[in-house]
Amino acid sequence: MEELRHIREQAGYSQQDLADESGVSQHTISELELGRRSPQGRTLRKLAKVLGVEVADLRGDPDSPKAEAPPWQQPPLNGLLAEERRSPTFAELHAINTLKGHRDHLEEFLARAKRKDIAPVFWVIEADHTIDMAAVGLAFLEREHLRPVLLPTAARLVELANEVFDGLRDAEAEEEVKRRRAALRMLEEAVA
């Protein structure tokens, strides 16, 4: 099963990594790749699920819709190898930290608003900035490897944004508040 090795390497997995995530032993994966063992359907399904391909891809079926060219025929994505794409990049980590910082800022802003009156213009600024942060959060939530790291922050950001929008209701017309809530809806759906 030469295709298994190519797909595994393309996805950035070592044999041991694939074994750990799929529950198929490293020895079995090695034997399959060397053609010393015939694969069972259950084993192929486990491997295909982790690798994000169809069983037919592992068998080298050229008619499979998800079959891809071998790694040596594919250019690296943005100059990065598959293994490098699996962990957050510096830019992704910076964006996550920015979202966490905005979450913390909103917590402080809302705590201050409970103690004293906040001028309406500041509610507008916070609401608009929160919509911008929600757009960033949504873009990064689409990256599967970032979801576990980002989901709690994004969920809390949605809660805080709704509190800001409630405070904004006193500062602006109801239509403007509805427009801002609509802008947040996609992030709400992504974290639900």
C-alpha atoms as a PDB file:
ATOM      1  CA  MET A   1       0.000   0.000   0.000  1.00  0.00           C
ATOM      2  CA  GLU A   2       2.388   2.627  -1.264  1.00  0.00           C
ATOM      3  CA  GLU A   3      -0.476   5.161  -1.309  1.00  0.00           C
ATOM      4  CA  LEU A   4      -0.844   4.949   2.476  1.00  0.00           C
ATOM      5  CA  ARG A   5       2.751   6.063   2.947  1.00  0.00           C
ATOM      6  CA  HIS A   6       2.386   8.937   0.463  1.00  0.00           C
ATOM      7  CA  ILE A   7      -0.870  10.176   2.012  1.00  0.00           C
ATOM      8  CA  ARG A   8       0.519   9.829   5.546  1.00  0.00           C
ATOM      9  CA  GLU A   9       3.646  11.807   4.689  1.00  0.00           C
ATOM     10  CA  GLN A  10       1.606  14.403   2.802  1.00  0.00           C
ATOM     11  CA  ALA A  11      -0.554  14.890   5.890  1.00  0.00           C
ATOM     12  CA  GLY A  12       2.576  15.363   8.011  1.00  0.00           C
ATOM     13  CA  TYR A  13       2.214  12.240  10.148  1.00  0.00           C
ATOM     14  CA  SER A  14       4.952   9.880  11.213  1.00  0.00           C
ATOM     15  CA  GLN A  15       3.921   6.245  11.474  1.00  0.00           C
ATOM     16  CA  GLN A  16       3.815   6.610  15.263  1.00  0.00           C
ATOM     17  CA  ASP A  17       1.688   9.790  15.106  1.00  0.00           C
ATOM     18  CA  LEU A  18      -0.794   8.057  12.830  1.00  0.00           C
ATOM     19  CA  ALA A  19      -0.820   5.029  15.114  1.00  0.00           C
ATOM     20  CA  ASP A  20      -1.501   7.189  18.170  1.00  0.00           C
ATOM     21  CA  GLU A  21      -4.397   9.028  16.549  1.00  0.00           C
ATOM     22  CA  SER A  22      -5.987   6.101  14.699  1.00  0.00           C
ATOM     23  CA  GLY A  23      -5.599   3.309  17.241  1.00  0.00           C
ATOM     24  CA  VAL A  24      -3.882   1.129  14.599  1.00  0.00           C
ATOM     25  CA  SER A  25      -0.487  -0.107  15.751  1.00  0.00           C
ATOM     26  CA  GLN A  26       2.670   1.379  14.261  1.00  0.00           C
ATOM     27  CA  HIS A  27       3.769  -2.141  13.326  1.00  0.00           C
ATOM     28  CA  THR A  28       0.559  -2.701  11.351  1.00  0.00           C
ATOM     29  CA  ILE A  29       0.972   0.624   9.544  1.00  0.00           C
ATOM     30  CA  SER A  30       4.543  -0.283   8.645  1.00  0.00           C
ATOM     31  CA  GLU A  31       3.504  -3.710   7.389  1.00  0.00           C
ATOM     32  CA  LEU A  32       0.705  -2.187   5.289  1.00  0.00           C
ATOM     33  CA  GLU A  33       3.029   0.387   3.742  1.00  0.00           C
ATOM     34  CA  LEU A  34       5.589  -2.290   2.871  1.00  0.00           C
ATOM     35  CA  GLY A  35       2.905  -4.510   1.341  1.00  0.00           C
ATOM     36  CA  ARG A  36       3.578  -7.336   3.784  1.00  0.00           C
ATOM     37  CA  ARG A  37       0.044  -7.304   5.101  1.00  0.00           C
ATOM     38  CA  SER A  38      -3.381  -7.106   3.497  1.00  0.00           C
ATOM     39  CA  PRO A  39      -5.526  -4.371   5.024  1.00  0.00           C
ATOM     40  CA  GLN A  40      -8.837  -5.009   6.717  1.00  0.00           C
ATOM     41  CA  GLY A  41     -11.748  -2.662   6.046  1.00  0.00           C
ATOM     42  CA  ARG A  42     -11.970  -1.539   9.676  1.00  0.00           C
ATOM     43  CA  THR A  43      -8.265  -0.685   9.750  1.00  0.00           C
ATOM     44  CA  LEU A  44      -8.498   1.289   6.511  1.00  0.00           C
ATOM     45  CA  ARG A  45     -11.536   3.209   7.794  1.00  0.00           C
ATOM     46  CA  LYS A  46      -9.643   4.218  10.954  1.00  0.00           C
ATOM     47  CA  LEU A  47      -6.610   5.368   8.976  1.00  0.00           C
ATOM     48  CA  ALA A  48      -8.703   7.193   6.351  1.00  0.00           C
ATOM     49  CA  LYS A  49     -10.647   9.052   9.026  1.00  0.00           C
ATOM     50  CA  VAL A  50      -7.504  10.408  10.697  1.00  0.00           C
ATOM     51  CA  LEU A  51      -5.890  11.277   7.362  1.00  0.00           C
ATOM     52  CA  GLY A  52      -9.043  12.973   6.072  1.00  0.00           C
ATOM     53  CA  VAL A  53      -9.322  10.844   2.946  1.00  0.00           C
ATOM     54  CA  GLU A  54     -11.546   8.098   1.603  1.00  0.00           C
ATOM     55  CA  VAL A  55     -10.669   4.402   1.897  1.00  0.00           C
ATOM     56  CA  ALA A  56     -10.422   4.362  -1.900  1.00  0.00           C
ATOM     57  CA  ASP A  57      -7.609   6.926  -1.663  1.00  0.00           C
ATOM     58  CA  LEU A  58      -5.580   4.539   0.484  1.00  0.00           C
ATOM     59  CA  ARG A  59      -6.064   1.817  -2.071  1.00  0.00           C
ATOM     60  CA  GLY A  60      -4.936   4.141  -4.858  1.00  0.00           C
ATOM     61  CA  ASP A  61      -8.291   4.275  -6.663  1.00  0.00           C
ATOM     62  CA  PRO A  62      -7.799   7.005  -9.306  1.00  0.00           C
ATOM     63  CA  ASP A  63     -11.556   7.649  -9.511  1.00  0.00           C
ATOM     64  CA  SER A  64     -11.752   8.635  -5.849  1.00  0.00           C
ATOM     65  CA  PRO A  65     -12.890  12.254  -5.537  1.00  0.00           C
ATOM     66  CA  LYS A  66     -10.525  12.978  -2.663  1.00  0.00           C
ATOM     67  CA  ALA A  67      -7.473  11.352  -4.186  1.00  0.00           C
ATOM     68  CA  GLU A  68      -4.596  13.781  -4.395  1.00  0.00           C
ATOM     69  CA  ALA A  69      -1.311  13.811  -6.182  1.00  0.00           C
ATOM     70  CA  PRO A  70       1.620  12.297  -4.293  1.00  0.00           C
ATOM     71  CA  PRO A  71       3.543  14.772  -2.128  1.00  0.00           C
ATOM     72  CA  TRP A  72       6.423  15.163  -4.581  1.00  0.00           C
ATOM     73  CA  GLN A  73       3.944  16.462  -7.173  1.00  0.00           C
ATOM     74  CA  GLN A  74       2.271  18.994  -4.884  1.00  0.00           C
ATOM     75  CA  PRO A  75       3.689  22.391  -4.006  1.00  0.00           C
ATOM     76  CA  PRO A  76       3.827  23.173  -0.295  1.00  0.00           C
ATOM     77  CA  LEU A  77       1.009  25.394   0.990  1.00  0.00           C
ATOM     78  CA  ASN A  78       2.332  28.913   1.578  1.00  0.00           C
ATOM     79  CA  GLY A  79       5.834  27.455   1.596  1.00  0.00           C
ATOM     80  CA  LEU A  80       5.042  25.256   4.614  1.00  0.00           C
ATOM     81  CA  LEU A  81       5.151  21.502   4.833  1.00  0.00           C
ATOM     82  CA  ALA A  82       2.059  19.675   6.086  1.00  0.00           C
ATOM     83  CA  GLU A  83       3.676  18.995   9.459  1.00  0.00           C
ATOM     84  CA  GLU A  84       4.369  22.687   9.957  1.00  0.00           C
ATOM     85  CA  ARG A  85       0.718  23.551   9.192  1.00  0.00           C
ATOM     86  CA  ARG A  86      -0.533  21.323  12.007  1.00  0.00           C
ATOM     87  CA  SER A  87       0.737  23.517  14.836  1.00  0.00           C
ATOM     88  CA  PRO A  88      -0.204  27.200  15.115  1.00  0.00           C
ATOM     89  CA  THR A  89       2.074  29.618  13.330  1.00  0.00           C
ATOM     90  CA  PHE A  90       3.437  32.720  15.019  1.00  0.00           C
ATOM     91  CA  ALA A  91       0.782  34.825  13.266  1.00  0.00           C
ATOM     92  CA  GLU A  92      -1.985  32.468  14.409  1.00  0.00           C
ATOM     93  CA  LEU A  93      -0.724  32.543  17.994  1.00  0.00           C
ATOM     94  CA  HIS A  94      -0.572  36.327  17.844  1.00  0.00           C
ATOM     95  CA  ALA A  95      -4.165  36.489  16.581  1.00  0.00           C
ATOM     96  CA  ILE A  96      -5.330  34.133  19.339  1.00  0.00           C
ATOM     97  CA  ASN A  97      -3.578  36.244  21.972  1.00  0.00           C
ATOM     98  CA  THR A  98      -5.130  39.390  20.493  1.00  0.00           C
ATOM     99  CA  LEU A  99      -8.594  37.810  20.786  1.00  0.00           C
ATOM    100  CA  LYS A 100      -7.879  36.795  24.377  1.00  0.00           C
ATOM    101  CA  GLY A 101      -6.685  40.318  25.111  1.00  0.00           C
ATOM    102  CA  HIS A 102      -9.872  41.788  23.668  1.00  0.00           C
ATOM    103  CA  ARG A 103     -11.933  39.343  25.717  1.00  0.00           C
ATOM    104  CA  ASP A 104     -10.129  40.508  28.873  1.00  0.00           C
ATOM    105  CA  HIS A 105     -10.571  44.155  27.856  1.00  0.00           C
ATOM    106  CA  LEU A 106     -14.336  43.646  27.426  1.00  0.00           C
ATOM    107  CA  GLU A 107     -14.521  42.016  30.858  1.00  0.00           C
ATOM    108  CA  GLU A 108     -12.884  45.123  32.373  1.00  0.00           C
ATOM    109  CA  PHE A 109     -15.018  47.520  30.328  1.00  0.00           C
ATOM    110  CA  LEU A 110     -18.248  45.850  31.433  1.00  0.00           C
ATOM    111  CA  ALA A 111     -17.103  45.746  35.068  1.00  0.00           C
ATOM    112  CA  ARG A 112     -16.366  49.501  34.869  1.00  0.00           C
ATOM    113  CA  ALA A 113     -19.763  50.125  33.271  1.00  0.00           C
ATOM    114  CA  LYS A 114     -21.445  48.533  36.285  1.00  0.00           C
ATOM    115  CA  ARG A 115     -19.636  50.935  38.636  1.00  0.00           C
ATOM    116  CA  LYS A 116     -20.117  54.177  36.700  1.00  0.00           C
ATOM    117  CA  ASP A 117     -21.776  55.639  33.645  1.00  0.00           C
ATOM    118  CA  ILE A 118     -19.905  55.149  30.393  1.00  0.00           C
ATOM    119  CA  ALA A 119     -20.347  57.744  27.677  1.00  0.00           C
ATOM    120  CA  PRO A 120     -22.395  56.454  24.692  1.00  0.00           C
ATOM    121  CA  VAL A 121     -19.505  56.980  22.273  1.00  0.00           C
ATOM    122  CA  PHE A 122     -17.444  54.372  24.161  1.00  0.00           C
ATOM    123  CA  TRP A 123     -20.232  51.802  23.860  1.00  0.00           C
ATOM    124  CA  VAL A 124     -20.205  52.380  20.090  1.00  0.00           C
ATOM    125  CA  ILE A 125     -16.416  52.036  19.911  1.00  0.00           C
ATOM    126  CA  GLU A 126     -16.444  48.811  21.945  1.00  0.00           C
ATOM    127  CA  ALA A 127     -19.277  47.343  19.874  1.00  0.00           C
ATOM    128  CA  ASP A 128     -17.569  48.080  16.565  1.00  0.00           C
ATOM    129  CA  HIS A 129     -14.200  46.802  17.745  1.00  0.00           C
ATOM    130  CA  THR A 130     -15.863  43.636  19.040  1.00  0.00           C
ATOM    131  CA  ILE A 131     -17.404  43.006  15.616  1.00  0.00           C
ATOM    132  CA  ASP A 132     -13.923  43.297  14.093  1.00  0.00           C
ATOM    133  CA  MET A 133     -12.555  40.829  16.640  1.00  0.00           C
ATOM    134  CA  ALA A 134     -15.463  38.464  15.956  1.00  0.00           C
ATOM    135  CA  ALA A 135     -14.551  38.455  12.258  1.00  0.00           C
ATOM    136  CA  VAL A 136     -10.968  37.509  13.130  1.00  0.00           C
ATOM    137  CA  GLY A 137     -12.196  34.809  15.500  1.00  0.00           C
ATOM    138  CA  LEU A 138     -14.502  33.350  12.870  1.00  0.00           C
ATOM    139  CA  ALA A 139     -11.720  33.192  10.298  1.00  0.00           C
ATOM    140  CA  PHE A 140      -9.452  31.325  12.694  1.00  0.00           C
ATOM    141  CA  LEU A 141     -12.187  28.969  13.926  1.00  0.00           C
ATOM    142  CA  GLU A 142     -12.375  27.639  10.372  1.00  0.00           C
ATOM    143  CA  ARG A 143      -8.872  26.223  10.861  1.00  0.00           C
ATOM    144  CA  GLU A 144      -9.516  22.864  12.456  1.00  0.00           C
ATOM    145  CA  HIS A 145      -6.205  22.720  14.335  1.00  0.00           C
ATOM    146  CA  LEU A 146      -6.999  26.043  16.060  1.00  0.00           C
ATOM    147  CA  ARG A 147     -10.563  25.243  17.159  1.00  0.00           C
ATOM    148  CA  PRO A 148      -9.674  23.597  20.495  1.00  0.00           C
ATOM    149  CA  VAL A 149      -7.452  26.525  21.471  1.00  0.00           C
ATOM    150  CA  LEU A 150      -9.789  29.255  20.285  1.00  0.00           C
ATOM    151  CA  LEU A 151     -13.293  27.945  20.997  1.00  0.00           C
ATOM    152  CA  PRO A 152     -13.515  28.916  24.705  1.00  0.00           C
ATOM    153  CA  THR A 153     -12.257  32.435  23.985  1.00  0.00           C
ATOM    154  CA  ALA A 154     -14.616  32.879  21.038  1.00  0.00           C
ATOM    155  CA  ALA A 155     -17.597  31.623  23.053  1.00  0.00           C
ATOM    156  CA  ARG A 156     -16.859  34.079  25.860  1.00  0.00           C
ATOM    157  CA  LEU A 157     -16.345  36.861  23.319  1.00  0.00           C
ATOM    158  CA  VAL A 158     -19.871  36.212  22.005  1.00  0.00           C
ATOM    159  CA  GLU A 159     -21.324  36.454  25.529  1.00  0.00           C
ATOM    160  CA  LEU A 160     -19.472  39.693  26.223  1.00  0.00           C
ATOM    161  CA  ALA A 161     -20.417  41.150  22.844  1.00  0.00           C
ATOM    162  CA  ASN A 162     -24.078  40.613  23.623  1.00  0.00           C
ATOM    163  CA  GLU A 163     -23.622  42.466  26.921  1.00  0.00           C
ATOM    164  CA  VAL A 164     -21.931  45.324  25.075  1.00  0.00           C
ATOM    165  CA  PHE A 165     -24.806  45.394  22.577  1.00  0.00           C
ATOM    166  CA  ASP A 166     -27.274  45.570  25.472  1.00  0.00           C
ATOM    167  CA  GLY A 167     -25.409  48.626  26.774  1.00  0.00           C
ATOM    168  CA  LEU A 168     -25.277  50.060  23.285  1.00  0.00           C
ATOM    169  CA  ARG A 169     -29.064  50.028  23.115  1.00  0.00           C
ATOM    170  CA  ASP A 170     -29.109  53.173  25.258  1.00  0.00           C
ATOM    171  CA  ALA A 171     -26.574  54.916  23.001  1.00  0.00           C
ATOM    172  CA  GLU A 172     -27.948  54.146  19.532  1.00  0.00           C
ATOM    173  CA  ALA A 173     -31.122  53.389  17.657  1.00  0.00           C
ATOM    174  CA  GLU A 174     -32.462  49.859  17.832  1.00  0.00           C
ATOM    175  CA  GLU A 175     -31.756  49.329  14.107  1.00  0.00           C
ATOM    176  CA  GLU A 176     -28.030  49.926  14.662  1.00  0.00           C
ATOM    177  CA  VAL A 177     -28.009  47.461  17.540  1.00  0.00           C
ATOM    178  CA  LYS A 178     -29.760  44.865  15.347  1.00  0.00           C
ATOM    179  CA  ARG A 179     -27.217  45.440  12.565  1.00  0.00           C
ATOM    180  CA  ARG A 180     -24.348  44.817  14.959  1.00  0.00           C
ATOM    181  CA  ARG A 181     -25.999  41.704  16.413  1.00  0.00           C
ATOM    182  CA  ALA A 182     -26.447  40.361  12.876  1.00  0.00           C
ATOM    183  CA  ALA A 183     -22.727  40.878  12.244  1.00  0.00           C
ATOM    184  CA  LEU A 184     -21.972  38.719  15.288  1.00  0.00           C
ATOM    185  CA  ARG A 185     -24.418  35.943  14.362  1.00  0.00           C
ATOM    186  CA  MET A 186     -21.939  33.879  12.299  1.00  0.00           C
ATOM    187  CA  LEU A 187     -19.508  33.685  15.214  1.00  0.00           C
ATOM    188  CA  GLU A 188     -22.366  32.758  17.550  1.00  0.00           C
ATOM    189  CA  GLU A 189     -23.265  29.892  15.221  1.00  0.00           C
ATOM    190  CA  ALA A 190     -19.652  28.757  14.963  1.00  0.00           C
ATOM    191  CA  VAL A 191     -19.244  28.442  18.725  1.00  0.00           C
ATOM    192  CA  ALA A 192     -22.684  26.915  19.364  1.00  0.00           C
END
